[in-house]
Amino acid sequence: MSVMFLPLRLIPLPVQCVVISTVLDLAFSRETSLKEHLDGLNQMVFRIHVSDLSSTFYLGFKAGKTWVHPMHTGDVAVKITASTSGFSRMCFAHEDPDELVFQQVLQLSGDSEAMLRFKKLLAAADLNWEDELRSSFGDFFGTRVAKAAYALVKAEQKISSASKESLQHYLDRIKNPNQQRLQTWQAGVEQLAHQNNRIKTKMTRLEHRVEHLQSAKST
């Protein structure tokens, strides 16, 4: 499904749908072991939204085959949303879809049974999108798409790494304050502890006075 992240973003969506449909049909038809998975998804439609491109297309299953269209007016079993880099991480970098969902990189909603069947199909097919694109449309096209996808994944990893480093630097500053700040914190903690002890002493005295009054009243 990552073909919509073409480096050539001006390619019309209907053309992208043809590319995706061609790859899926060829890949699924080669493996007879996938028939059971395809039959289990019969008549189901998946809405796939690429958030940063604001593009949506529909993947459907019928009679053991797939179709991909830019429009669909019927029911949708599952909605899948991710950015171009998110789909690239799943399809080209082969990251676990469950982990991407946990990280909120991939958003899923809809029929849970359909989601599970679809996941099993993808796992059984084990698609190598770069090889499939080269096989279907030539080395030049397949290589360009794959390079664009890998570049997206690498850029996201770089941004994530930079963010983690900044956060760690901030945490290190908190964990390792300078001497003056440390002394101030220690003084504050000691003052609070002293006030807490005074309050406890007063509470103990009040409890004794209440007990004394109740004892005197009872006599």
N, C-alpha and C. Protein backbone atom coordinates (compact mmCIF):
# COMPACT_ATOMS: atom_id res chain seq x y z
N MET A 1 0.82 -1.21 0.00
CA MET A 1 0.00 0.00 0.00
C MET A 1 0.85 1.26 0.00
N SER A 2 2.13 1.13 0.03
CA SER A 2 2.98 2.30 0.16
C SER A 2 3.23 3.04 -1.13
N VAL A 3 2.65 2.59 -2.22
CA VAL A 3 2.96 3.22 -3.49
C VAL A 3 2.44 4.64 -3.56
N MET A 4 1.46 4.99 -2.74
CA MET A 4 0.97 6.37 -2.80
C MET A 4 1.99 7.34 -2.25
N PHE A 5 3.11 6.84 -1.70
CA PHE A 5 4.15 7.73 -1.20
C PHE A 5 5.18 7.90 -2.28
N LEU A 6 4.74 7.86 -3.52
CA LEU A 6 5.65 8.02 -4.63
C LEU A 6 6.45 9.29 -4.46
N PRO A 7 7.71 9.27 -4.87
CA PRO A 7 8.46 10.51 -4.85
C PRO A 7 7.82 11.51 -5.80
N LEU A 8 7.04 11.01 -6.73
CA LEU A 8 6.33 11.86 -7.69
C LEU A 8 4.92 12.08 -7.16
N ARG A 9 4.79 13.02 -6.26
CA ARG A 9 3.50 13.19 -5.57
C ARG A 9 2.42 13.77 -6.48
N LEU A 10 2.81 14.21 -7.66
CA LEU A 10 1.83 14.78 -8.57
C LEU A 10 1.12 13.71 -9.39
N ILE A 11 1.53 12.47 -9.25
CA ILE A 11 0.84 11.40 -9.97
C ILE A 11 -0.60 11.32 -9.47
N PRO A 12 -1.58 11.34 -10.36
CA PRO A 12 -2.98 11.32 -9.93
C PRO A 12 -3.31 10.08 -9.10
N LEU A 13 -4.22 10.24 -8.17
CA LEU A 13 -4.59 9.13 -7.29
C LEU A 13 -5.11 7.92 -8.06
N PRO A 14 -5.93 8.10 -9.11
CA PRO A 14 -6.38 6.92 -9.87
C PRO A 14 -5.23 6.09 -10.44
N VAL A 15 -4.15 6.76 -10.85
CA VAL A 15 -3.00 6.04 -11.37
C VAL A 15 -2.31 5.28 -10.24
N GLN A 16 -2.21 5.90 -9.07
CA GLN A 16 -1.62 5.22 -7.92
C GLN A 16 -2.44 3.98 -7.56
N CYS A 17 -3.76 4.10 -7.67
CA CYS A 17 -4.62 2.96 -7.36
C CYS A 17 -4.36 1.80 -8.32
N VAL A 18 -4.13 2.11 -9.59
CA VAL A 18 -3.82 1.06 -10.57
C VAL A 18 -2.53 0.35 -10.20
N VAL A 19 -1.53 1.13 -9.78
CA VAL A 19 -0.25 0.56 -9.39
C VAL A 19 -0.42 -0.38 -8.20
N ILE A 20 -1.12 0.09 -7.17
CA ILE A 20 -1.32 -0.72 -5.97
C ILE A 20 -2.11 -1.98 -6.29
N SER A 21 -3.17 -1.84 -7.07
CA SER A 21 -4.00 -2.98 -7.43
C SER A 21 -3.20 -4.02 -8.21
N THR A 22 -2.35 -3.57 -9.13
CA THR A 22 -1.53 -4.48 -9.93
C THR A 22 -0.58 -5.28 -9.06
N VAL A 23 0.09 -4.59 -8.13
CA VAL A 23 1.03 -5.26 -7.25
C VAL A 23 0.32 -6.30 -6.38
N LEU A 24 -0.79 -5.91 -5.78
CA LEU A 24 -1.50 -6.82 -4.89
C LEU A 24 -2.04 -8.03 -5.64
N ASP A 25 -2.64 -7.81 -6.81
CA ASP A 25 -3.19 -8.92 -7.58
C ASP A 25 -2.12 -9.94 -7.95
N LEU A 26 -0.98 -9.44 -8.43
CA LEU A 26 0.10 -10.34 -8.84
C LEU A 26 0.67 -11.09 -7.63
N ALA A 27 0.89 -10.37 -6.53
CA ALA A 27 1.47 -10.99 -5.34
C ALA A 27 0.54 -12.02 -4.73
N PHE A 28 -0.75 -11.70 -4.64
CA PHE A 28 -1.70 -12.62 -4.02
C PHE A 28 -2.01 -13.82 -4.92
N SER A 29 -2.00 -13.61 -6.23
CA SER A 29 -2.35 -14.71 -7.14
C SER A 29 -1.25 -15.76 -7.23
N ARG A 30 -0.01 -15.38 -6.91
CA ARG A 30 1.11 -16.32 -6.97
C ARG A 30 1.05 -17.36 -5.86
N GLU A 31 0.49 -16.98 -4.73
CA GLU A 31 0.49 -17.84 -3.55
C GLU A 31 -0.88 -18.46 -3.34
N THR A 32 -1.01 -19.73 -3.67
CA THR A 32 -2.30 -20.41 -3.50
C THR A 32 -2.67 -20.53 -2.02
N SER A 33 -1.66 -20.47 -1.15
CA SER A 33 -1.91 -20.59 0.29
C SER A 33 -2.67 -19.38 0.84
N LEU A 34 -2.74 -18.30 0.05
CA LEU A 34 -3.42 -17.10 0.51
C LEU A 34 -4.92 -17.12 0.24
N LYS A 35 -5.38 -18.13 -0.52
CA LYS A 35 -6.78 -18.19 -0.92
C LYS A 35 -7.72 -18.15 0.29
N GLU A 36 -7.37 -18.90 1.32
CA GLU A 36 -8.22 -18.93 2.51
C GLU A 36 -8.34 -17.55 3.15
N HIS A 37 -7.22 -16.83 3.21
CA HIS A 37 -7.24 -15.48 3.79
C HIS A 37 -8.06 -14.52 2.93
N LEU A 38 -7.90 -14.64 1.61
CA LEU A 38 -8.64 -13.77 0.70
C LEU A 38 -10.14 -14.06 0.77
N ASP A 39 -10.50 -15.34 0.85
CA ASP A 39 -11.93 -15.70 0.95
C ASP A 39 -12.53 -15.15 2.24
N GLY A 40 -11.73 -15.12 3.30
CA GLY A 40 -12.22 -14.61 4.58
C GLY A 40 -12.51 -13.12 4.56
N LEU A 41 -11.93 -12.42 3.60
CA LEU A 41 -12.14 -10.98 3.47
C LEU A 41 -13.12 -10.62 2.35
N ASN A 42 -13.77 -11.62 1.79
CA ASN A 42 -14.66 -11.40 0.66
C ASN A 42 -15.75 -10.37 0.97
N GLN A 43 -15.91 -9.44 0.04
CA GLN A 43 -16.91 -8.36 0.12
C GLN A 43 -16.56 -7.29 1.16
N MET A 44 -15.40 -7.37 1.76
CA MET A 44 -15.01 -6.34 2.73
C MET A 44 -14.24 -5.21 2.02
N VAL A 45 -14.41 -4.01 2.53
CA VAL A 45 -13.75 -2.83 1.96
C VAL A 45 -13.01 -2.08 3.07
N PHE A 46 -11.79 -1.66 2.75
CA PHE A 46 -10.96 -0.92 3.69
C PHE A 46 -10.71 0.49 3.16
N ARG A 47 -10.96 1.46 4.01
CA ARG A 47 -10.69 2.86 3.64
C ARG A 47 -9.29 3.22 4.14
N ILE A 48 -8.42 3.64 3.24
CA ILE A 48 -7.04 3.96 3.60
C ILE A 48 -6.78 5.44 3.35
N HIS A 49 -6.43 6.13 4.42
CA HIS A 49 -6.22 7.58 4.35
C HIS A 49 -4.77 7.92 4.65
N VAL A 50 -4.15 8.66 3.72
CA VAL A 50 -2.77 9.12 3.91
C VAL A 50 -2.86 10.56 4.39
N SER A 51 -2.63 10.75 5.69
CA SER A 51 -2.98 12.01 6.34
C SER A 51 -2.23 13.22 5.80
N ASP A 52 -0.92 13.10 5.57
CA ASP A 52 -0.17 14.28 5.16
C ASP A 52 -0.36 14.61 3.69
N LEU A 53 -0.93 13.70 2.92
CA LEU A 53 -1.23 13.98 1.51
C LEU A 53 -2.72 14.29 1.32
N SER A 54 -3.49 14.11 2.39
CA SER A 54 -4.95 14.31 2.32
C SER A 54 -5.56 13.48 1.18
N SER A 55 -5.06 12.27 0.99
CA SER A 55 -5.59 11.40 -0.07
C SER A 55 -6.19 10.15 0.56
N THR A 56 -7.25 9.67 -0.09
CA THR A 56 -7.96 8.50 0.41
C THR A 56 -8.27 7.57 -0.76
N PHE A 57 -8.07 6.28 -0.53
CA PHE A 57 -8.50 5.31 -1.53
C PHE A 57 -9.08 4.10 -0.80
N TYR A 58 -9.69 3.21 -1.57
CA TYR A 58 -10.41 2.08 -0.99
C TYR A 58 -9.86 0.77 -1.54
N LEU A 59 -9.61 -0.16 -0.63
CA LEU A 59 -9.12 -1.49 -0.98
C LEU A 59 -10.23 -2.49 -0.68
N GLY A 60 -10.65 -3.21 -1.72
CA GLY A 60 -11.74 -4.16 -1.55
C GLY A 60 -11.35 -5.57 -1.97
N PHE A 61 -12.12 -6.55 -1.48
CA PHE A 61 -11.87 -7.95 -1.78
C PHE A 61 -13.15 -8.56 -2.36
N LYS A 62 -12.99 -9.28 -3.48
CA LYS A 62 -14.16 -9.89 -4.12
C LYS A 62 -13.71 -11.12 -4.91
N ALA A 63 -14.31 -12.25 -4.59
CA ALA A 63 -14.05 -13.50 -5.31
C ALA A 63 -12.57 -13.84 -5.36
N GLY A 64 -11.89 -13.66 -4.25
CA GLY A 64 -10.48 -14.02 -4.18
C GLY A 64 -9.53 -13.04 -4.83
N LYS A 65 -10.03 -11.91 -5.25
CA LYS A 65 -9.19 -10.88 -5.87
C LYS A 65 -9.36 -9.55 -5.13
N THR A 66 -8.44 -8.63 -5.41
CA THR A 66 -8.52 -7.30 -4.79
C THR A 66 -8.81 -6.24 -5.84
N TRP A 67 -9.40 -5.16 -5.38
CA TRP A 67 -9.56 -3.98 -6.23
C TRP A 67 -9.21 -2.75 -5.42
N VAL A 68 -8.72 -1.73 -6.08
CA VAL A 68 -8.33 -0.48 -5.42
C VAL A 68 -8.91 0.68 -6.24
N HIS A 69 -9.76 1.47 -5.59
CA HIS A 69 -10.41 2.59 -6.28
C HIS A 69 -10.28 3.87 -5.44
N PRO A 70 -10.30 5.02 -6.09
CA PRO A 70 -10.26 6.27 -5.34
C PRO A 70 -11.61 6.67 -4.76
N MET A 71 -12.69 5.97 -5.19
CA MET A 71 -14.03 6.30 -4.71
C MET A 71 -14.76 5.02 -4.32
N HIS A 72 -15.66 5.16 -3.33
CA HIS A 72 -16.49 4.03 -2.92
C HIS A 72 -17.67 4.58 -2.13
N THR A 73 -18.86 4.12 -2.47
CA THR A 73 -20.07 4.65 -1.83
C THR A 73 -20.73 3.65 -0.88
N GLY A 74 -20.20 2.43 -0.83
CA GLY A 74 -20.80 1.42 0.04
C GLY A 74 -20.23 1.44 1.44
N ASP A 75 -20.49 0.37 2.16
CA ASP A 75 -20.02 0.25 3.54
C ASP A 75 -18.51 0.03 3.58
N VAL A 76 -17.91 0.45 4.68
CA VAL A 76 -16.48 0.27 4.90
C VAL A 76 -16.29 -0.53 6.19
N ALA A 77 -15.52 -1.61 6.12
CA ALA A 77 -15.31 -2.45 7.29
C ALA A 77 -14.29 -1.85 8.24
N VAL A 78 -13.21 -1.31 7.68
CA VAL A 78 -12.10 -0.82 8.50
C VAL A 78 -11.55 0.48 7.90
N LYS A 79 -11.19 1.40 8.78
CA LYS A 79 -10.53 2.63 8.35
C LYS A 79 -9.09 2.61 8.87
N ILE A 80 -8.16 2.85 7.96
CA ILE A 80 -6.74 2.86 8.30
C ILE A 80 -6.16 4.22 7.96
N THR A 81 -5.49 4.85 8.93
CA THR A 81 -4.92 6.17 8.71
C THR A 81 -3.47 6.21 9.19
N ALA A 82 -2.62 6.81 8.38
CA ALA A 82 -1.22 7.03 8.76
C ALA A 82 -0.64 8.07 7.81
N SER A 83 0.51 8.59 8.16
CA SER A 83 1.23 9.50 7.27
C SER A 83 2.01 8.67 6.25
N THR A 84 2.60 9.34 5.28
CA THR A 84 3.41 8.62 4.29
C THR A 84 4.56 7.88 4.97
N SER A 85 5.19 8.53 5.94
CA SER A 85 6.30 7.86 6.64
C SER A 85 5.79 6.69 7.47
N GLY A 86 4.59 6.81 8.02
CA GLY A 86 4.02 5.71 8.80
C GLY A 86 3.77 4.48 7.95
N PHE A 87 3.15 4.67 6.77
CA PHE A 87 2.93 3.55 5.87
C PHE A 87 4.25 3.00 5.34
N SER A 88 5.22 3.88 5.13
CA SER A 88 6.54 3.42 4.67
C SER A 88 7.21 2.55 5.71
N ARG A 89 7.05 2.93 6.98
CA ARG A 89 7.63 2.13 8.05
C ARG A 89 7.03 0.73 8.08
N MET A 90 5.75 0.63 7.80
CA MET A 90 5.09 -0.67 7.81
C MET A 90 5.43 -1.49 6.57
N CYS A 91 5.38 -0.87 5.39
CA CYS A 91 5.50 -1.62 4.14
C CYS A 91 6.93 -1.79 3.64
N PHE A 92 7.77 -0.80 3.86
CA PHE A 92 9.14 -0.89 3.36
C PHE A 92 10.14 -1.25 4.47
N ALA A 93 9.98 -0.66 5.64
CA ALA A 93 10.88 -0.98 6.76
C ALA A 93 10.42 -2.22 7.52
N HIS A 94 9.22 -2.73 7.18
CA HIS A 94 8.68 -3.97 7.75
C HIS A 94 8.54 -3.90 9.27
N GLU A 95 8.12 -2.74 9.78
CA GLU A 95 7.87 -2.63 11.21
C GLU A 95 6.53 -3.28 11.55
N ASP A 96 6.43 -3.81 12.75
CA ASP A 96 5.24 -4.52 13.20
C ASP A 96 4.04 -3.57 13.26
N PRO A 97 2.95 -3.89 12.55
CA PRO A 97 1.76 -3.02 12.58
C PRO A 97 1.22 -2.79 13.99
N ASP A 98 1.27 -3.83 14.82
CA ASP A 98 0.77 -3.68 16.20
C ASP A 98 1.59 -2.64 16.96
N GLU A 99 2.91 -2.65 16.75
CA GLU A 99 3.77 -1.68 17.42
C GLU A 99 3.49 -0.27 16.90
N LEU A 100 3.22 -0.14 15.61
CA LEU A 100 2.91 1.16 15.03
C LEU A 100 1.58 1.69 15.56
N VAL A 101 0.63 0.78 15.78
CA VAL A 101 -0.65 1.18 16.38
C VAL A 101 -0.42 1.65 17.81
N PHE A 102 0.40 0.91 18.56
CA PHE A 102 0.71 1.27 19.94
C PHE A 102 1.37 2.65 20.01
N GLN A 103 2.23 2.96 19.03
CA GLN A 103 2.91 4.25 18.98
C GLN A 103 2.02 5.35 18.38
N GLN A 104 0.80 4.98 17.98
CA GLN A 104 -0.15 5.90 17.35
C GLN A 104 0.37 6.44 16.02
N VAL A 105 1.26 5.68 15.40
CA VAL A 105 1.70 6.00 14.05
C VAL A 105 0.63 5.56 13.06
N LEU A 106 0.01 4.44 13.39
CA LEU A 106 -1.06 3.86 12.57
C LEU A 106 -2.35 3.88 13.37
N GLN A 107 -3.41 4.43 12.79
CA GLN A 107 -4.71 4.45 13.47
C GLN A 107 -5.67 3.51 12.76
N LEU A 108 -6.32 2.66 13.55
CA LEU A 108 -7.28 1.70 13.01
C LEU A 108 -8.62 1.87 13.71
N SER A 109 -9.69 1.71 12.95
CA SER A 109 -11.03 1.72 13.54
C SER A 109 -11.94 0.89 12.66
N GLY A 110 -12.94 0.29 13.30
CA GLY A 110 -13.89 -0.51 12.53
C GLY A 110 -14.03 -1.92 13.07
N ASP A 111 -14.34 -2.85 12.19
CA ASP A 111 -14.60 -4.24 12.53
C ASP A 111 -13.31 -4.93 12.96
N SER A 112 -13.25 -5.34 14.23
CA SER A 112 -12.04 -5.96 14.76
C SER A 112 -11.72 -7.28 14.07
N GLU A 113 -12.76 -8.04 13.70
CA GLU A 113 -12.54 -9.32 13.03
C GLU A 113 -11.93 -9.10 11.65
N ALA A 114 -12.40 -8.08 10.94
CA ALA A 114 -11.84 -7.75 9.62
C ALA A 114 -10.39 -7.30 9.75
N MET A 115 -10.10 -6.52 10.79
CA MET A 115 -8.71 -6.09 11.03
C MET A 115 -7.80 -7.30 11.21
N LEU A 116 -8.26 -8.27 12.01
CA LEU A 116 -7.46 -9.45 12.29
C LEU A 116 -7.23 -10.27 11.03
N ARG A 117 -8.27 -10.43 10.21
CA ARG A 117 -8.15 -11.18 8.97
C ARG A 117 -7.17 -10.49 8.02
N PHE A 118 -7.26 -9.18 7.95
CA PHE A 118 -6.37 -8.41 7.08
C PHE A 118 -4.92 -8.53 7.54
N LYS A 119 -4.71 -8.45 8.84
CA LYS A 119 -3.37 -8.59 9.39
C LYS A 119 -2.79 -9.96 9.07
N LYS A 120 -3.61 -11.01 9.18
CA LYS A 120 -3.15 -12.36 8.87
C LYS A 120 -2.79 -12.50 7.40
N LEU A 121 -3.56 -11.85 6.54
CA LEU A 121 -3.26 -11.89 5.10
C LEU A 121 -1.92 -11.24 4.81
N LEU A 122 -1.69 -10.06 5.38
CA LEU A 122 -0.42 -9.36 5.15
C LEU A 122 0.76 -10.15 5.70
N ALA A 123 0.57 -10.78 6.87
CA ALA A 123 1.64 -11.57 7.46
C ALA A 123 1.96 -12.79 6.60
N ALA A 124 0.91 -13.44 6.09
CA ALA A 124 1.11 -14.63 5.26
C ALA A 124 1.73 -14.27 3.90
N ALA A 125 1.33 -13.13 3.35
CA ALA A 125 1.85 -12.71 2.05
C ALA A 125 3.30 -12.25 2.15
N ASP A 126 3.64 -11.58 3.27
CA ASP A 126 5.00 -11.10 3.51
C ASP A 126 5.53 -10.35 2.28
N LEU A 127 4.80 -9.32 1.89
CA LEU A 127 5.12 -8.57 0.67
C LEU A 127 6.43 -7.81 0.80
N ASN A 128 7.26 -7.91 -0.22
CA ASN A 128 8.43 -7.05 -0.36
C ASN A 128 8.09 -6.04 -1.44
N TRP A 129 7.67 -4.85 -1.01
CA TRP A 129 7.16 -3.88 -1.96
C TRP A 129 8.20 -3.44 -2.98
N GLU A 130 9.42 -3.32 -2.57
CA GLU A 130 10.46 -2.90 -3.52
C GLU A 130 10.58 -3.93 -4.65
N ASP A 131 10.67 -5.21 -4.31
CA ASP A 131 10.80 -6.25 -5.32
C ASP A 131 9.55 -6.33 -6.19
N GLU A 132 8.38 -6.21 -5.55
CA GLU A 132 7.13 -6.30 -6.31
C GLU A 132 7.01 -5.15 -7.31
N LEU A 133 7.40 -3.95 -6.90
CA LEU A 133 7.32 -2.79 -7.80
C LEU A 133 8.30 -2.93 -8.96
N ARG A 134 9.49 -3.42 -8.67
CA ARG A 134 10.47 -3.63 -9.73
C ARG A 134 9.98 -4.67 -10.72
N SER A 135 9.39 -5.74 -10.18
CA SER A 135 8.91 -6.81 -11.04
C SER A 135 7.76 -6.35 -11.92
N SER A 136 6.88 -5.52 -11.37
CA SER A 136 5.68 -5.11 -12.11
C SER A 136 5.91 -3.91 -13.03
N PHE A 137 6.79 -2.98 -12.59
CA PHE A 137 6.90 -1.72 -13.33
C PHE A 137 8.34 -1.35 -13.71
N GLY A 138 9.28 -2.24 -13.45
CA GLY A 138 10.65 -1.97 -13.86
C GLY A 138 11.53 -1.49 -12.72
N ASP A 139 12.83 -1.69 -12.90
CA ASP A 139 13.79 -1.34 -11.85
C ASP A 139 13.81 0.15 -11.54
N PHE A 140 13.70 0.99 -12.56
CA PHE A 140 13.80 2.44 -12.34
C PHE A 140 12.68 2.92 -11.43
N PHE A 141 11.46 2.53 -11.76
CA PHE A 141 10.30 2.96 -10.98
C PHE A 141 10.35 2.39 -9.56
N GLY A 142 10.61 1.07 -9.46
CA GLY A 142 10.65 0.43 -8.16
C GLY A 142 11.71 1.00 -7.25
N THR A 143 12.88 1.29 -7.83
CA THR A 143 13.98 1.84 -7.03
C THR A 143 13.66 3.23 -6.53
N ARG A 144 13.06 4.06 -7.37
CA ARG A 144 12.73 5.43 -6.97
C ARG A 144 11.72 5.44 -5.83
N VAL A 145 10.71 4.60 -5.93
CA VAL A 145 9.70 4.54 -4.86
C VAL A 145 10.33 4.06 -3.56
N ALA A 146 11.14 3.01 -3.65
CA ALA A 146 11.78 2.45 -2.46
C ALA A 146 12.71 3.47 -1.81
N LYS A 147 13.50 4.16 -2.61
CA LYS A 147 14.42 5.17 -2.07
C LYS A 147 13.66 6.28 -1.35
N ALA A 148 12.54 6.70 -1.95
CA ALA A 148 11.73 7.74 -1.32
C ALA A 148 11.18 7.26 0.02
N ALA A 149 10.72 6.00 0.06
CA ALA A 149 10.17 5.45 1.30
C ALA A 149 11.24 5.34 2.37
N TYR A 150 12.42 4.83 2.00
CA TYR A 150 13.51 4.69 2.97
C TYR A 150 13.96 6.06 3.48
N ALA A 151 13.96 7.05 2.60
CA ALA A 151 14.35 8.41 3.00
C ALA A 151 13.37 8.97 4.03
N LEU A 152 12.07 8.70 3.84
CA LEU A 152 11.06 9.15 4.79
C LEU A 152 11.27 8.51 6.16
N VAL A 153 11.53 7.21 6.15
CA VAL A 153 11.75 6.49 7.41
C VAL A 153 12.98 7.03 8.12
N LYS A 154 14.06 7.24 7.36
CA LYS A 154 15.31 7.73 7.95
C LYS A 154 15.13 9.13 8.51
N ALA A 155 14.40 9.99 7.79
CA ALA A 155 14.17 11.36 8.26
C ALA A 155 13.38 11.36 9.57
N GLU A 156 12.37 10.48 9.64
CA GLU A 156 11.56 10.41 10.87
C GLU A 156 12.39 9.90 12.03
N GLN A 157 13.25 8.92 11.76
CA GLN A 157 14.12 8.38 12.82
C GLN A 157 15.07 9.46 13.32
N LYS A 158 15.57 10.28 12.40
CA LYS A 158 16.49 11.35 12.78
C LYS A 158 15.81 12.38 13.66
N ILE A 159 14.58 12.74 13.29
CA ILE A 159 13.81 13.71 14.08
C ILE A 159 13.52 13.13 15.46
N SER A 160 13.12 11.86 15.49
CA SER A 160 12.81 11.20 16.76
C SER A 160 14.04 11.14 17.65
N SER A 161 15.19 10.83 17.05
CA SER A 161 16.43 10.75 17.82
C SER A 161 16.82 12.10 18.39
N ALA A 162 16.65 13.16 17.58
CA ALA A 162 16.97 14.51 18.05
C ALA A 162 16.06 14.92 19.20
N SER A 163 14.78 14.55 19.11
CA SER A 163 13.83 14.89 20.18
C SER A 163 14.19 14.17 21.47
N LYS A 164 14.58 12.88 21.34
CA LYS A 164 14.95 12.11 22.53
C LYS A 164 16.21 12.68 23.18
N GLU A 165 17.16 13.12 22.35
CA GLU A 165 18.38 13.70 22.89
C GLU A 165 18.10 14.99 23.65
N SER A 166 17.21 15.82 23.08
CA SER A 166 16.85 17.08 23.75
C SER A 166 16.17 16.80 25.08
N LEU A 167 15.27 15.82 25.09
CA LEU A 167 14.58 15.48 26.33
C LEU A 167 15.56 14.94 27.37
N GLN A 168 16.47 14.08 26.92
CA GLN A 168 17.45 13.51 27.85
C GLN A 168 18.35 14.59 28.42
N HIS A 169 18.72 15.56 27.59
CA HIS A 169 19.54 16.67 28.06
C HIS A 169 18.81 17.47 29.14
N TYR A 170 17.52 17.69 28.92
CA TYR A 170 16.73 18.43 29.91
C TYR A 170 16.62 17.64 31.20
N LEU A 171 16.39 16.31 31.07
CA LEU A 171 16.29 15.47 32.27
C LEU A 171 17.61 15.43 33.03
N ASP A 172 18.71 15.39 32.29
CA ASP A 172 20.02 15.38 32.94
C ASP A 172 20.24 16.66 33.74
N ARG A 173 19.76 17.78 33.22
CA ARG A 173 19.89 19.05 33.94
C ARG A 173 19.08 19.03 35.22
N ILE A 174 17.91 18.38 35.15
CA ILE A 174 17.08 18.29 36.36
C ILE A 174 17.72 17.36 37.38
N LYS A 175 18.27 16.25 36.88
CA LYS A 175 18.86 15.26 37.78
C LYS A 175 20.17 15.74 38.37
N ASN A 176 20.86 16.62 37.68
CA ASN A 176 22.17 17.08 38.12
C ASN A 176 22.21 18.60 38.26
N PRO A 177 21.48 19.16 39.24
CA PRO A 177 21.47 20.61 39.42
C PRO A 177 22.81 21.12 39.94
N ASN A 178 23.04 22.41 39.75
CA ASN A 178 24.30 22.96 40.26
C ASN A 178 24.26 23.02 41.80
N GLN A 179 25.42 23.33 42.43
CA GLN A 179 25.55 23.26 43.88
C GLN A 179 24.62 24.23 44.59
N GLN A 180 24.52 25.44 44.05
CA GLN A 180 23.67 26.45 44.70
C GLN A 180 22.20 26.02 44.69
N ARG A 181 21.74 25.51 43.53
CA ARG A 181 20.34 25.07 43.43
C ARG A 181 20.10 23.89 44.35
N LEU A 182 21.08 22.99 44.44
CA LEU A 182 20.94 21.81 45.29
C LEU A 182 20.81 22.22 46.76
N GLN A 183 21.63 23.19 47.19
CA GLN A 183 21.56 23.66 48.57
C GLN A 183 20.21 24.30 48.87
N THR A 184 19.68 25.03 47.88
CA THR A 184 18.37 25.67 48.06
C THR A 184 17.29 24.62 48.23
N TRP A 185 17.34 23.57 47.37
CA TRP A 185 16.36 22.49 47.48
C TRP A 185 16.47 21.79 48.83
N GLN A 186 17.68 21.52 49.27
CA GLN A 186 17.88 20.83 50.55
C GLN A 186 17.34 21.66 51.71
N ALA A 187 17.59 22.97 51.66
CA ALA A 187 17.09 23.86 52.71
C ALA A 187 15.57 23.85 52.73
N GLY A 188 14.96 23.85 51.53
CA GLY A 188 13.50 23.82 51.45
C GLY A 188 12.93 22.54 52.01
N VAL A 189 13.57 21.41 51.71
CA VAL A 189 13.12 20.12 52.20
C VAL A 189 13.23 20.06 53.72
N GLU A 190 14.34 20.58 54.27
CA GLU A 190 14.54 20.58 55.72
C GLU A 190 13.49 21.45 56.41
N GLN A 191 13.17 22.58 55.78
CA GLN A 191 12.17 23.47 56.37
C GLN A 191 10.80 22.81 56.39
N LEU A 192 10.45 22.14 55.30
CA LEU A 192 9.17 21.45 55.24
C LEU A 192 9.11 20.32 56.27
N ALA A 193 10.22 19.62 56.43
CA ALA A 193 10.26 18.53 57.42
C ALA A 193 10.07 19.09 58.82
N HIS A 194 10.70 20.24 59.13
CA HIS A 194 10.57 20.87 60.44
C HIS A 194 9.14 21.30 60.69
N GLN A 195 8.51 21.91 59.68
CA GLN A 195 7.12 22.35 59.82
C GLN A 195 6.20 21.15 60.02
N ASN A 196 6.50 20.07 59.32
CA ASN A 196 5.69 18.86 59.44
C ASN A 196 5.77 18.30 60.86
N ASN A 197 6.95 18.32 61.46
CA ASN A 197 7.11 17.83 62.83
C ASN A 197 6.35 18.70 63.82
N ARG A 198 6.38 20.02 63.59
CA ARG A 198 5.64 20.93 64.47
C ARG A 198 4.15 20.66 64.40
N ILE A 199 3.66 20.41 63.20
CA ILE A 199 2.23 20.14 63.03
C ILE A 199 1.86 18.84 63.72
N LYS A 200 2.71 17.83 63.59
CA LYS A 200 2.44 16.54 64.24
C LYS A 200 2.40 16.71 65.76
N THR A 201 3.30 17.52 66.31
CA THR A 201 3.33 17.76 67.76
C THR A 201 2.03 18.42 68.22
N LYS A 202 1.59 19.44 67.46
CA LYS A 202 0.35 20.13 67.80
C LYS A 202 -0.84 19.17 67.74
N MET A 203 -0.87 18.30 66.70
CA MET A 203 -1.97 17.36 66.57
C MET A 203 -1.99 16.39 67.75
N THR A 204 -0.83 15.96 68.20
CA THR A 204 -0.75 15.04 69.35
C THR A 204 -1.29 15.71 70.61
N ARG A 205 -0.91 16.98 70.80
CA ARG A 205 -1.41 17.72 71.97
C ARG A 205 -2.92 17.87 71.92
N LEU A 206 -3.44 18.18 70.74
CA LEU A 206 -4.89 18.35 70.61
C LEU A 206 -5.62 17.04 70.91
N GLU A 207 -5.06 15.92 70.43
CA GLU A 207 -5.67 14.62 70.67
C GLU A 207 -5.70 14.32 72.17
N HIS A 208 -4.60 14.67 72.89
CA HIS A 208 -4.56 14.44 74.33
C HIS A 208 -5.59 15.29 75.05
N ARG A 209 -5.75 16.54 74.61
CA ARG A 209 -6.72 17.43 75.24
C ARG A 209 -8.13 16.92 75.02
N VAL A 210 -8.41 16.42 73.80
CA VAL A 210 -9.74 15.88 73.52
C VAL A 210 -10.02 14.67 74.39
N GLU A 211 -9.03 13.81 74.52
CA GLU A 211 -9.20 12.63 75.37
C GLU A 211 -9.44 13.03 76.83
N HIS A 212 -8.71 14.05 77.29
CA HIS A 212 -8.87 14.52 78.68
C HIS A 212 -10.26 15.09 78.90
N LEU A 213 -10.75 15.90 77.95
CA LEU A 213 -12.08 16.49 78.07
C LEU A 213 -13.16 15.41 78.06
N GLN A 214 -13.01 14.41 77.16
CA GLN A 214 -14.01 13.34 77.11
C GLN A 214 -14.00 12.54 78.42
N SER A 215 -12.81 12.32 79.00
CA SER A 215 -12.73 11.58 80.26
C SER A 215 -13.38 12.35 81.38
N ALA A 216 -13.14 13.68 81.43
CA ALA A 216 -13.72 14.51 82.49
C ALA A 216 -15.24 14.58 82.36
N LYS A 217 -15.74 14.61 81.13
CA LYS A 217 -17.16 14.69 80.88
C LYS A 217 -17.87 13.41 81.33
N SER A 218 -17.22 12.28 81.10
CA SER A 218 -17.83 11.00 81.45
C SER A 218 -17.92 10.79 82.95
N THR A 219 -17.04 11.48 83.71
CA THR A 219 -17.06 11.33 85.16
C THR A 219 -18.01 12.35 85.77
